[in-house]
Amino acid sequence: MNSVWTLGDWLQYLFSFVLVIGLLLTLLWTLRKLQNGQSLMRKHTQRLQTLETLSVGTRQKIMLIRVDDREILLGVSAQTMTVLSPWPDQNTAQASGKLPAALEALPETLTP
């Protein structure tokens, strides 16, 4: 029996390896999209997005979320969600660059 690998054998082996790795990566990408609740063929039309999250305790977070074109600051714990900034008017949110009053009332270690 001939145990010498020819160039054709190496190319076939390499092609099979690349095909299996490509199929694996495609499967992982598909599973990731399905896990995030996104449709595979639909455009990104999500109205609610989490922009930033800051952990301030073991089970407490401050989250900046965007709903359409408005940004809202939330305090999140294991039991409740509290709005830290008022629901902005569309014109007021874009015009003011100041921190909301609820955010200014937080301890200084949390303010930017």
PDB file of N, CA and C in Angstrom:
ATOM      1  N   MET A   1       0.837  -1.178   0.000  1.00  0.00           N
ATOM      2  CA  MET A   1       0.000   0.000   0.000  1.00  0.00           C
ATOM      3  C   MET A   1       0.882   1.242   0.000  1.00  0.00           C
ATOM      4  N   ASN A   2       0.525   2.187  -0.788  1.00  0.00           N
ATOM      5  CA  ASN A   2       1.306   3.411  -0.937  1.00  0.00           C
ATOM      6  C   ASN A   2       0.887   4.408   0.144  1.00  0.00           C
ATOM      7  N   SER A   3       1.816   4.825   1.014  1.00  0.00           N
ATOM      8  CA  SER A   3       1.488   5.739   2.105  1.00  0.00           C
ATOM      9  C   SER A   3       1.968   7.158   1.831  1.00  0.00           C
ATOM     10  N   VAL A   4       2.375   7.470   0.632  1.00  0.00           N
ATOM     11  CA  VAL A   4       2.851   8.808   0.292  1.00  0.00           C
ATOM     12  C   VAL A   4       1.652   9.660  -0.128  1.00  0.00           C
ATOM     13  N   TRP A   5       1.574  10.827   0.475  1.00  0.00           N
ATOM     14  CA  TRP A   5       0.485  11.734   0.123  1.00  0.00           C
ATOM     15  C   TRP A   5       0.897  12.552  -1.090  1.00  0.00           C
ATOM     16  N   THR A   6       0.006  12.640  -2.029  1.00  0.00           N
ATOM     17  CA  THR A   6       0.278  13.447  -3.215  1.00  0.00           C
ATOM     18  C   THR A   6      -0.297  14.844  -3.002  1.00  0.00           C
ATOM     19  N   LEU A   7      -0.004  15.728  -3.955  1.00  0.00           N
ATOM     20  CA  LEU A   7      -0.536  17.099  -3.884  1.00  0.00           C
ATOM     21  C   LEU A   7      -2.061  17.087  -3.914  1.00  0.00           C
ATOM     22  N   GLY A   8      -2.659  16.199  -4.681  1.00  0.00           N
ATOM     23  CA  GLY A   8      -4.120  16.091  -4.735  1.00  0.00           C
ATOM     24  C   GLY A   8      -4.718  15.696  -3.403  1.00  0.00           C
ATOM     25  N   ASP A   9      -4.027  14.793  -2.678  1.00  0.00           N
ATOM     26  CA  ASP A   9      -4.502  14.383  -1.364  1.00  0.00           C
ATOM     27  C   ASP A   9      -4.473  15.557  -0.384  1.00  0.00           C
ATOM     28  N   TRP A  10      -3.388  16.323  -0.407  1.00  0.00           N
ATOM     29  CA  TRP A  10      -3.269  17.483   0.470  1.00  0.00           C
ATOM     30  C   TRP A  10      -4.330  18.529   0.159  1.00  0.00           C
ATOM     31  N   LEU A  11      -4.575  18.770  -1.127  1.00  0.00           N
ATOM     32  CA  LEU A  11      -5.593  19.756  -1.516  1.00  0.00           C
ATOM     33  C   LEU A  11      -6.986  19.305  -1.092  1.00  0.00           C
ATOM     34  N   GLN A  12      -7.272  18.017  -1.244  1.00  0.00           N
ATOM     35  CA  GLN A  12      -8.571  17.493  -0.832  1.00  0.00           C
ATOM     36  C   GLN A  12      -8.732  17.614   0.690  1.00  0.00           C
ATOM     37  N   TYR A  13      -7.683  17.289   1.430  1.00  0.00           N
ATOM     38  CA  TYR A  13      -7.706  17.417   2.881  1.00  0.00           C
ATOM     39  C   TYR A  13      -7.908  18.876   3.297  1.00  0.00           C
ATOM     40  N   LEU A  14      -7.192  19.792   2.679  1.00  0.00           N
ATOM     41  CA  LEU A  14      -7.305  21.214   2.997  1.00  0.00           C
ATOM     42  C   LEU A  14      -8.697  21.745   2.663  1.00  0.00           C
ATOM     43  N   PHE A  15      -9.236  21.359   1.504  1.00  0.00           N
ATOM     44  CA  PHE A  15     -10.570  21.802   1.105  1.00  0.00           C
ATOM     45  C   PHE A  15     -11.618  21.295   2.093  1.00  0.00           C
ATOM     46  N   SER A  16     -11.522  20.042   2.516  1.00  0.00           N
ATOM     47  CA  SER A  16     -12.473  19.481   3.474  1.00  0.00           C
ATOM     48  C   SER A  16     -12.391  20.209   4.813  1.00  0.00           C
ATOM     49  N   PHE A  17     -11.179  20.516   5.251  1.00  0.00           N
ATOM     50  CA  PHE A  17     -10.981  21.219   6.517  1.00  0.00           C
ATOM     51  C   PHE A  17     -11.602  22.615   6.454  1.00  0.00           C
ATOM     52  N   VAL A  18     -11.347  23.353   5.390  1.00  0.00           N
ATOM     53  CA  VAL A  18     -11.904  24.703   5.234  1.00  0.00           C
ATOM     54  C   VAL A  18     -13.429  24.651   5.165  1.00  0.00           C
ATOM     55  N   LEU A  19     -13.975  23.642   4.495  1.00  0.00           N
ATOM     56  CA  LEU A  19     -15.430  23.504   4.382  1.00  0.00           C
ATOM     57  C   LEU A  19     -16.058  23.257   5.758  1.00  0.00           C
ATOM     58  N   VAL A  20     -15.474  22.376   6.557  1.00  0.00           N
ATOM     59  CA  VAL A  20     -16.017  22.073   7.882  1.00  0.00           C
ATOM     60  C   VAL A  20     -15.915  23.293   8.798  1.00  0.00           C
ATOM     61  N   ILE A  21     -14.801  23.990   8.780  1.00  0.00           N
ATOM     62  CA  ILE A  21     -14.650  25.191   9.613  1.00  0.00           C
ATOM     63  C   ILE A  21     -15.638  26.269   9.169  1.00  0.00           C
ATOM     64  N   GLY A  22     -15.819  26.448   7.872  1.00  0.00           N
ATOM     65  CA  GLY A  22     -16.783  27.426   7.370  1.00  0.00           C
ATOM     66  C   GLY A  22     -18.203  27.102   7.786  1.00  0.00           C
ATOM     67  N   LEU A  23     -18.582  25.825   7.717  1.00  0.00           N
ATOM     68  CA  LEU A  23     -19.919  25.420   8.157  1.00  0.00           C
ATOM     69  C   LEU A  23     -20.096  25.626   9.661  1.00  0.00           C
ATOM     70  N   LEU A  24     -19.073  25.352  10.429  1.00  0.00           N
ATOM     71  CA  LEU A  24     -19.134  25.567  11.873  1.00  0.00           C
ATOM     72  C   LEU A  24     -19.302  27.045  12.210  1.00  0.00           C
ATOM     73  N   LEU A  25     -18.540  27.918  11.566  1.00  0.00           N
ATOM     74  CA  LEU A  25     -18.670  29.356  11.814  1.00  0.00           C
ATOM     75  C   LEU A  25     -20.043  29.877  11.398  1.00  0.00           C
ATOM     76  N   THR A  26     -20.569  29.377  10.283  1.00  0.00           N
ATOM     77  CA  THR A  26     -21.906  29.776   9.831  1.00  0.00           C
ATOM     78  C   THR A  26     -22.967  29.341  10.836  1.00  0.00           C
ATOM     79  N   LEU A  27     -22.837  28.136  11.357  1.00  0.00           N
ATOM     80  CA  LEU A  27     -23.779  27.648  12.356  1.00  0.00           C
ATOM     81  C   LEU A  27     -23.708  28.471  13.638  1.00  0.00           C
ATOM     82  N   LEU A  28     -22.510  28.799  14.091  1.00  0.00           N
ATOM     83  CA  LEU A  28     -22.360  29.613  15.298  1.00  0.00           C
ATOM     84  C   LEU A  28     -22.938  31.015  15.109  1.00  0.00           C
ATOM     85  N   TRP A  29     -22.725  31.617  13.953  1.00  0.00           N
ATOM     86  CA  TRP A  29     -23.273  32.947  13.661  1.00  0.00           C
ATOM     87  C   TRP A  29     -24.805  32.896  13.664  1.00  0.00           C
ATOM     88  N   THR A  30     -25.375  31.848  13.051  1.00  0.00           N
ATOM     89  CA  THR A  30     -26.826  31.706  13.003  1.00  0.00           C
ATOM     90  C   THR A  30     -27.408  31.526  14.396  1.00  0.00           C
ATOM     91  N   LEU A  31     -26.772  30.695  15.209  1.00  0.00           N
ATOM     92  CA  LEU A  31     -27.258  30.498  16.574  1.00  0.00           C
ATOM     93  C   LEU A  31     -27.176  31.770  17.393  1.00  0.00           C
ATOM     94  N   ARG A  32     -26.141  32.553  17.188  1.00  0.00           N
ATOM     95  CA  ARG A  32     -26.006  33.818  17.911  1.00  0.00           C
ATOM     96  C   ARG A  32     -27.118  34.790  17.536  1.00  0.00           C
ATOM     97  N   LYS A  33     -27.436  34.861  16.254  1.00  0.00           N
ATOM     98  CA  LYS A  33     -28.525  35.742  15.814  1.00  0.00           C
ATOM     99  C   LYS A  33     -29.860  35.282  16.385  1.00  0.00           C
ATOM    100  N   LEU A  34     -30.099  33.984  16.400  1.00  0.00           N
ATOM    101  CA  LEU A  34     -31.358  33.477  16.921  1.00  0.00           C
ATOM    102  C   LEU A  34     -31.447  33.650  18.433  1.00  0.00           C
ATOM    103  N   GLN A  35     -30.331  33.552  19.136  1.00  0.00           N
ATOM    104  CA  GLN A  35     -30.320  33.715  20.586  1.00  0.00           C
ATOM    105  C   GLN A  35     -30.654  35.143  20.980  1.00  0.00           C
ATOM    106  N   ASN A  36     -30.223  36.116  20.204  1.00  0.00           N
ATOM    107  CA  ASN A  36     -30.493  37.521  20.499  1.00  0.00           C
ATOM    108  C   ASN A  36     -31.906  37.929  20.118  1.00  0.00           C
ATOM    109  N   GLY A  37     -32.691  37.022  19.566  1.00  0.00           N
ATOM    110  CA  GLY A  37     -34.059  37.323  19.197  1.00  0.00           C
ATOM    111  C   GLY A  37     -34.183  38.075  17.891  1.00  0.00           C
ATOM    112  N   GLN A  38     -33.150  38.083  17.105  1.00  0.00           N
ATOM    113  CA  GLN A  38     -33.180  38.793  15.838  1.00  0.00           C
ATOM    114  C   GLN A  38     -33.577  37.827  14.733  1.00  0.00           C
ATOM    115  N   SER A  39     -34.328  38.326  13.801  1.00  0.00           N
ATOM    116  CA  SER A  39     -34.654  37.547  12.618  1.00  0.00           C
ATOM    117  C   SER A  39     -33.452  37.537  11.689  1.00  0.00           C
ATOM    118  N   LEU A  40     -33.268  36.462  10.971  1.00  0.00           N
ATOM    119  CA  LEU A  40     -32.088  36.349  10.111  1.00  0.00           C
ATOM    120  C   LEU A  40     -32.213  37.199   8.851  1.00  0.00           C
ATOM    121  N   MET A  41     -33.411  37.389   8.355  1.00  0.00           N
ATOM    122  CA  MET A  41     -33.595  38.091   7.088  1.00  0.00           C
ATOM    123  C   MET A  41     -34.101  39.519   7.253  1.00  0.00           C
ATOM    124  N   ARG A  42     -34.535  39.898   8.456  1.00  0.00           N
ATOM    125  CA  ARG A  42     -35.120  41.217   8.663  1.00  0.00           C
ATOM    126  C   ARG A  42     -34.042  42.240   8.997  1.00  0.00           C
ATOM    127  N   LYS A  43     -34.282  43.466   8.582  1.00  0.00           N
ATOM    128  CA  LYS A  43     -33.364  44.556   8.916  1.00  0.00           C
ATOM    129  C   LYS A  43     -33.447  44.873  10.403  1.00  0.00           C
ATOM    130  N   HIS A  44     -32.444  45.587  10.897  1.00  0.00           N
ATOM    131  CA  HIS A  44     -32.385  45.983  12.302  1.00  0.00           C
ATOM    132  C   HIS A  44     -33.351  47.137  12.526  1.00  0.00           C
ATOM    133  N   THR A  45     -34.535  46.824  13.075  1.00  0.00           N
ATOM    134  CA  THR A  45     -35.558  47.840  13.305  1.00  0.00           C
ATOM    135  C   THR A  45     -35.973  47.862  14.767  1.00  0.00           C
ATOM    136  N   GLN A  46     -35.052  47.601  15.655  1.00  0.00           N
ATOM    137  CA  GLN A  46     -35.340  47.591  17.067  1.00  0.00           C
ATOM    138  C   GLN A  46     -35.547  49.008  17.570  1.00  0.00           C
ATOM    139  N   ARG A  47     -36.637  49.230  18.295  1.00  0.00           N
ATOM    140  CA  ARG A  47     -36.910  50.558  18.835  1.00  0.00           C
ATOM    141  C   ARG A  47     -36.273  50.765  20.193  1.00  0.00           C
ATOM    142  N   LEU A  48     -36.023  49.698  20.939  1.00  0.00           N
ATOM    143  CA  LEU A  48     -35.467  49.781  22.280  1.00  0.00           C
ATOM    144  C   LEU A  48     -34.053  49.228  22.265  1.00  0.00           C
ATOM    145  N   GLN A  49     -33.083  50.050  22.708  1.00  0.00           N
ATOM    146  CA  GLN A  49     -31.683  49.642  22.714  1.00  0.00           C
ATOM    147  C   GLN A  49     -31.056  50.011  24.052  1.00  0.00           C
ATOM    148  N   THR A  50     -30.187  49.148  24.552  1.00  0.00           N
ATOM    149  CA  THR A  50     -29.405  49.453  25.739  1.00  0.00           C
ATOM    150  C   THR A  50     -28.098  50.077  25.283  1.00  0.00           C
ATOM    151  N   LEU A  51     -27.878  51.330  25.625  1.00  0.00           N
ATOM    152  CA  LEU A  51     -26.676  52.028  25.190  1.00  0.00           C
ATOM    153  C   LEU A  51     -25.501  51.764  26.121  1.00  0.00           C
ATOM    154  N   GLU A  52     -25.721  51.911  27.429  1.00  0.00           N
ATOM    155  CA  GLU A  52     -24.657  51.698  28.409  1.00  0.00           C
ATOM    156  C   GLU A  52     -25.250  51.124  29.678  1.00  0.00           C
ATOM    157  N   THR A  53     -24.414  50.371  30.394  1.00  0.00           N
ATOM    158  CA  THR A  53     -24.808  49.811  31.683  1.00  0.00           C
ATOM    159  C   THR A  53     -23.672  50.018  32.668  1.00  0.00           C
ATOM    160  N   LEU A  54     -24.001  50.507  33.865  1.00  0.00           N
ATOM    161  CA  LEU A  54     -23.012  50.718  34.913  1.00  0.00           C
ATOM    162  C   LEU A  54     -23.465  49.963  36.150  1.00  0.00           C
ATOM    163  N   SER A  55     -22.649  49.025  36.609  1.00  0.00           N
ATOM    164  CA  SER A  55     -22.965  48.265  37.808  1.00  0.00           C
ATOM    165  C   SER A  55     -22.558  49.084  39.029  1.00  0.00           C
ATOM    166  N   VAL A  56     -23.506  49.315  39.940  1.00  0.00           N
ATOM    167  CA  VAL A  56     -23.226  50.102  41.136  1.00  0.00           C
ATOM    168  C   VAL A  56     -23.342  49.267  42.406  1.00  0.00           C
ATOM    169  N   GLY A  57     -23.605  48.006  42.270  1.00  0.00           N
ATOM    170  CA  GLY A  57     -23.715  47.090  43.398  1.00  0.00           C
ATOM    171  C   GLY A  57     -23.794  45.675  42.872  1.00  0.00           C
ATOM    172  N   THR A  58     -24.009  44.732  43.790  1.00  0.00           N
ATOM    173  CA  THR A  58     -24.048  43.345  43.342  1.00  0.00           C
ATOM    174  C   THR A  58     -25.246  43.062  42.458  1.00  0.00           C
ATOM    175  N   ARG A  59     -26.358  43.690  42.737  1.00  0.00           N
ATOM    176  CA  ARG A  59     -27.555  43.462  41.925  1.00  0.00           C
ATOM    177  C   ARG A  59     -28.221  44.768  41.502  1.00  0.00           C
ATOM    178  N   GLN A  60     -27.451  45.855  41.489  1.00  0.00           N
ATOM    179  CA  GLN A  60     -27.981  47.148  41.088  1.00  0.00           C
ATOM    180  C   GLN A  60     -27.194  47.678  39.893  1.00  0.00           C
ATOM    181  N   LYS A  61     -27.927  48.275  38.957  1.00  0.00           N
ATOM    182  CA  LYS A  61     -27.311  48.845  37.758  1.00  0.00           C
ATOM    183  C   LYS A  61     -27.961  50.174  37.428  1.00  0.00           C
ATOM    184  N   ILE A  62     -27.203  50.988  36.740  1.00  0.00           N
ATOM    185  CA  ILE A  62     -27.758  52.179  36.101  1.00  0.00           C
ATOM    186  C   ILE A  62     -27.644  51.925  34.610  1.00  0.00           C
ATOM    187  N   MET A  63     -28.758  52.050  33.904  1.00  0.00           N
ATOM    188  CA  MET A  63     -28.796  51.760  32.476  1.00  0.00           C
ATOM    189  C   MET A  63     -29.233  52.980  31.688  1.00  0.00           C
ATOM    190  N   LEU A  64     -28.552  53.228  30.598  1.00  0.00           N
ATOM    191  CA  LEU A  64     -28.960  54.262  29.660  1.00  0.00           C
ATOM    192  C   LEU A  64     -29.565  53.543  28.469  1.00  0.00           C
ATOM    193  N   ILE A  65     -30.855  53.769  28.245  1.00  0.00           N
ATOM    194  CA  ILE A  65     -31.527  53.105  27.135  1.00  0.00           C
ATOM    195  C   ILE A  65     -32.041  54.145  26.151  1.00  0.00           C
ATOM    196  N   ARG A  66     -32.219  53.718  24.922  1.00  0.00           N
ATOM    197  CA  ARG A  66     -32.770  54.587  23.879  1.00  0.00           C
ATOM    198  C   ARG A  66     -34.068  53.965  23.389  1.00  0.00           C
ATOM    199  N   VAL A  67     -35.122  54.775  23.404  1.00  0.00           N
ATOM    200  CA  VAL A  67     -36.409  54.396  22.846  1.00  0.00           C
ATOM    201  C   VAL A  67     -36.647  55.343  21.686  1.00  0.00           C
ATOM    202  N   ASP A  68     -36.670  54.807  20.486  1.00  0.00           N
ATOM    203  CA  ASP A  68     -36.702  55.599  19.260  1.00  0.00           C
ATOM    204  C   ASP A  68     -35.504  56.542  19.263  1.00  0.00           C
ATOM    205  N   ASP A  69     -35.723  57.854  19.436  1.00  0.00           N
ATOM    206  CA  ASP A  69     -34.597  58.791  19.453  1.00  0.00           C
ATOM    207  C   ASP A  69     -34.469  59.482  20.813  1.00  0.00           C
ATOM    208  N   ARG A  70     -35.092  58.916  21.842  1.00  0.00           N
ATOM    209  CA  ARG A  70     -35.036  59.485  23.184  1.00  0.00           C
ATOM    210  C   ARG A  70     -34.187  58.598  24.088  1.00  0.00           C
ATOM    211  N   GLU A  71     -33.364  59.212  24.923  1.00  0.00           N
ATOM    212  CA  GLU A  71     -32.525  58.475  25.856  1.00  0.00           C
ATOM    213  C   GLU A  71     -33.064  58.636  27.270  1.00  0.00           C
ATOM    214  N   ILE A  72     -33.145  57.524  28.011  1.00  0.00           N
ATOM    215  CA  ILE A  72     -33.712  57.506  29.342  1.00  0.00           C
ATOM    216  C   ILE A  72     -32.736  56.789  30.270  1.00  0.00           C
ATOM    217  N   LEU A  73     -32.565  57.322  31.479  1.00  0.00           N
ATOM    218  CA  LEU A  73     -31.688  56.735  32.480  1.00  0.00           C
ATOM    219  C   LEU A  73     -32.537  55.956  33.476  1.00  0.00           C
ATOM    220  N   LEU A  74     -32.193  54.677  33.695  1.00  0.00           N
ATOM    221  CA  LEU A  74     -32.952  53.813  34.596  1.00  0.00           C
ATOM    222  C   LEU A  74     -32.066  53.294  35.706  1.00  0.00           C
ATOM    223  N   GLY A  75     -32.635  53.147  36.893  1.00  0.00           N
ATOM    224  CA  GLY A  75     -31.996  52.427  37.979  1.00  0.00           C
ATOM    225  C   GLY A  75     -32.650  51.065  38.065  1.00  0.00           C
ATOM    226  N   VAL A  76     -31.855  50.005  38.024  1.00  0.00           N
ATOM    227  CA  VAL A  76     -32.394  48.653  37.975  1.00  0.00           C
ATOM    228  C   VAL A  76     -31.842  47.864  39.154  1.00  0.00           C
ATOM    229  N   SER A  77     -32.748  47.238  39.910  1.00  0.00           N
ATOM    230  CA  SER A  77     -32.337  46.327  40.971  1.00  0.00           C
ATOM    231  C   SER A  77     -33.028  44.990  40.717  1.00  0.00           C
ATOM    232  N   ALA A  78     -32.850  44.050  41.646  1.00  0.00           N
ATOM    233  CA  ALA A  78     -33.443  42.729  41.464  1.00  0.00           C
ATOM    234  C   ALA A  78     -34.973  42.781  41.498  1.00  0.00           C
ATOM    235  N   GLN A  79     -35.551  43.757  42.219  1.00  0.00           N
ATOM    236  CA  GLN A  79     -37.002  43.811  42.362  1.00  0.00           C
ATOM    237  C   GLN A  79     -37.666  44.922  41.555  1.00  0.00           C
ATOM    238  N   THR A  80     -36.969  46.023  41.302  1.00  0.00           N
ATOM    239  CA  THR A  80     -37.639  47.179  40.694  1.00  0.00           C
ATOM    240  C   THR A  80     -36.796  47.812  39.595  1.00  0.00           C
ATOM    241  N   MET A  81     -37.475  48.619  38.824  1.00  0.00           N
ATOM    242  CA  MET A  81     -36.837  49.502  37.841  1.00  0.00           C
ATOM    243  C   MET A  81     -37.366  50.907  38.131  1.00  0.00           C
ATOM    244  N   THR A  82     -36.460  51.868  38.252  1.00  0.00           N
ATOM    245  CA  THR A  82     -36.844  53.237  38.572  1.00  0.00           C
ATOM    246  C   THR A  82     -36.292  54.168  37.501  1.00  0.00           C
ATOM    247  N   VAL A  83     -37.133  55.060  37.020  1.00  0.00           N
ATOM    248  CA  VAL A  83     -36.691  56.044  36.041  1.00  0.00           C
ATOM    249  C   VAL A  83     -35.940  57.136  36.787  1.00  0.00           C
ATOM    250  N   LEU A  84     -34.671  57.359  36.431  1.00  0.00           N
ATOM    251  CA  LEU A  84     -33.864  58.380  37.089  1.00  0.00           C
ATOM    252  C   LEU A  84     -33.920  59.715  36.366  1.00  0.00           C
ATOM    253  N   SER A  85     -34.308  59.704  35.119  1.00  0.00           N
ATOM    254  CA  SER A  85     -34.458  60.950  34.369  1.00  0.00           C
ATOM    255  C   SER A  85     -35.874  60.986  33.821  1.00  0.00           C
ATOM    256  N   PRO A  86     -36.476  62.140  33.756  1.00  0.00           N
ATOM    257  CA  PRO A  86     -37.846  62.219  33.242  1.00  0.00           C
ATOM    258  C   PRO A  86     -37.885  61.868  31.759  1.00  0.00           C
ATOM    259  N   TRP A  87     -39.044  61.439  31.333  1.00  0.00           N
ATOM    260  CA  TRP A  87     -39.236  61.138  29.918  1.00  0.00           C
ATOM    261  C   TRP A  87     -39.132  62.446  29.152  1.00  0.00           C
ATOM    262  N   PRO A  88     -38.093  62.606  28.334  1.00  0.00           N
ATOM    263  CA  PRO A  88     -37.867  63.915  27.712  1.00  0.00           C
ATOM    264  C   PRO A  88     -38.798  64.164  26.530  1.00  0.00           C
ATOM    265  N   ASP A  89     -39.131  65.456  26.363  1.00  0.00           N
ATOM    266  CA  ASP A  89     -39.797  65.848  25.129  1.00  0.00           C
ATOM    267  C   ASP A  89     -38.782  65.736  24.013  1.00  0.00           C
ATOM    268  N   GLN A  90     -39.246  65.566  22.808  1.00  0.00           N
ATOM    269  CA  GLN A  90     -38.318  65.382  21.695  1.00  0.00           C
ATOM    270  C   GLN A  90     -37.452  66.622  21.483  1.00  0.00           C
ATOM    271  N   ASN A  91     -38.011  67.794  21.607  1.00  0.00           N
ATOM    272  CA  ASN A  91     -37.245  69.019  21.397  1.00  0.00           C
ATOM    273  C   ASN A  91     -36.339  69.316  22.593  1.00  0.00           C
ATOM    274  N   THR A  92     -36.815  69.053  23.812  1.00  0.00           N
ATOM    275  CA  THR A  92     -36.048  69.352  25.010  1.00  0.00           C
ATOM    276  C   THR A  92     -34.834  68.449  25.136  1.00  0.00           C
ATOM    277  N   ALA A  93     -34.979  67.200  24.748  1.00  0.00           N
ATOM    278  CA  ALA A  93     -33.880  66.239  24.904  1.00  0.00           C
ATOM    279  C   ALA A  93     -32.703  66.604  24.018  1.00  0.00           C
ATOM    280  N   GLN A  94     -32.964  67.103  22.833  1.00  0.00           N
ATOM    281  CA  GLN A  94     -31.875  67.434  21.920  1.00  0.00           C
ATOM    282  C   GLN A  94     -31.271  68.795  22.246  1.00  0.00           C
ATOM    283  N   ALA A  95     -32.068  69.696  22.841  1.00  0.00           N
ATOM    284  CA  ALA A  95     -31.578  71.040  23.100  1.00  0.00           C
ATOM    285  C   ALA A  95     -30.728  71.124  24.362  1.00  0.00           C
ATOM    286  N   SER A  96     -31.073  70.335  25.385  1.00  0.00           N
ATOM    287  CA  SER A  96     -30.342  70.457  26.649  1.00  0.00           C
ATOM    288  C   SER A  96     -29.206  69.455  26.691  1.00  0.00           C
ATOM    289  N   GLY A  97     -28.068  69.909  27.166  1.00  0.00           N
ATOM    290  CA  GLY A  97     -26.921  69.030  27.315  1.00  0.00           C
ATOM    291  C   GLY A  97     -26.593  68.805  28.776  1.00  0.00           C
ATOM    292  N   LYS A  98     -27.525  69.180  29.696  1.00  0.00           N
ATOM    293  CA  LYS A  98     -27.275  69.081  31.124  1.00  0.00           C
ATOM    294  C   LYS A  98     -27.700  67.716  31.640  1.00  0.00           C
ATOM    295  N   LEU A  99     -27.162  67.362  32.812  1.00  0.00           N
ATOM    296  CA  LEU A  99     -27.573  66.142  33.487  1.00  0.00           C
ATOM    297  C   LEU A  99     -28.956  66.336  34.078  1.00  0.00           C
ATOM    298  N   PRO A 100     -29.774  65.281  34.102  1.00  0.00           N
ATOM    299  CA  PRO A 100     -31.076  65.384  34.754  1.00  0.00           C
ATOM    300  C   PRO A 100     -30.907  65.608  36.245  1.00  0.00           C
ATOM    301  N   ALA A 101     -31.917  66.209  36.883  1.00  0.00           N
ATOM    302  CA  ALA A 101     -31.852  66.521  38.308  1.00  0.00           C
ATOM    303  C   ALA A 101     -31.710  65.259  39.142  1.00  0.00           C
ATOM    304  N   ALA A 102     -32.346  64.163  38.740  1.00  0.00           N
ATOM    305  CA  ALA A 102     -32.249  62.912  39.505  1.00  0.00           C
ATOM    306  C   ALA A 102     -30.829  62.374  39.487  1.00  0.00           C
ATOM    307  N   LEU A 103     -30.107  62.563  38.385  1.00  0.00           N
ATOM    308  CA  LEU A 103     -28.736  62.086  38.297  1.00  0.00           C
ATOM    309  C   LEU A 103     -27.808  62.955  39.130  1.00  0.00           C
ATOM    310  N   GLU A 104     -28.077  64.252  39.196  1.00  0.00           N
ATOM    311  CA  GLU A 104     -27.250  65.147  39.998  1.00  0.00           C
ATOM    312  C   GLU A 104     -27.415  64.857  41.487  1.00  0.00           C
ATOM    313  N   ALA A 105     -28.542  64.272  41.885  1.00  0.00           N
ATOM    314  CA  ALA A 105     -28.795  63.976  43.290  1.00  0.00           C
ATOM    315  C   ALA A 105     -28.076  62.716  43.750  1.00  0.00           C
ATOM    316  N   LEU A 106     -27.540  61.924  42.837  1.00  0.00           N
ATOM    317  CA  LEU A 106     -26.820  60.714  43.211  1.00  0.00           C
ATOM    318  C   LEU A 106     -25.529  61.073  43.943  1.00  0.00           C
ATOM    319  N   PRO A 107     -24.989  60.147  44.718  1.00  0.00           N
ATOM    320  CA  PRO A 107     -23.714  60.423  45.391  1.00  0.00           C
ATOM    321  C   PRO A 107     -22.620  60.767  44.379  1.00  0.00           C
ATOM    322  N   GLU A 108     -21.637  61.533  44.825  1.00  0.00           N
ATOM    323  CA  GLU A 108     -20.602  62.016  43.917  1.00  0.00           C
ATOM    324  C   GLU A 108     -19.778  60.895  43.294  1.00  0.00           C
ATOM    325  N   THR A 109     -19.725  59.738  43.932  1.00  0.00           N
ATOM    326  CA  THR A 109     -18.947  58.634  43.362  1.00  0.00           C
ATOM    327  C   THR A 109     -19.571  58.105  42.088  1.00  0.00           C
ATOM    328  N   LEU A 110     -20.854  58.356  41.892  1.00  0.00           N
ATOM    329  CA  LEU A 110     -21.542  57.851  40.714  1.00  0.00           C
ATOM    330  C   LEU A 110     -21.646  58.866  39.593  1.00  0.00           C
ATOM    331  N   THR A 111     -21.534  60.143  39.903  1.00  0.00           N
ATOM    332  CA  THR A 111     -21.698  61.149  38.865  1.00  0.00           C
ATOM    333  C   THR A 111     -20.444  61.243  38.023  1.00  0.00           C
ATOM    334  N   PRO A 112     -20.595  61.547  36.723  1.00  0.00           N
ATOM    335  CA  PRO A 112     -19.420  61.615  35.833  1.00  0.00           C
ATOM    336  C   PRO A 112     -18.523  62.797  36.127  1.00  0.00           C
TER     337      PRO A 112
END
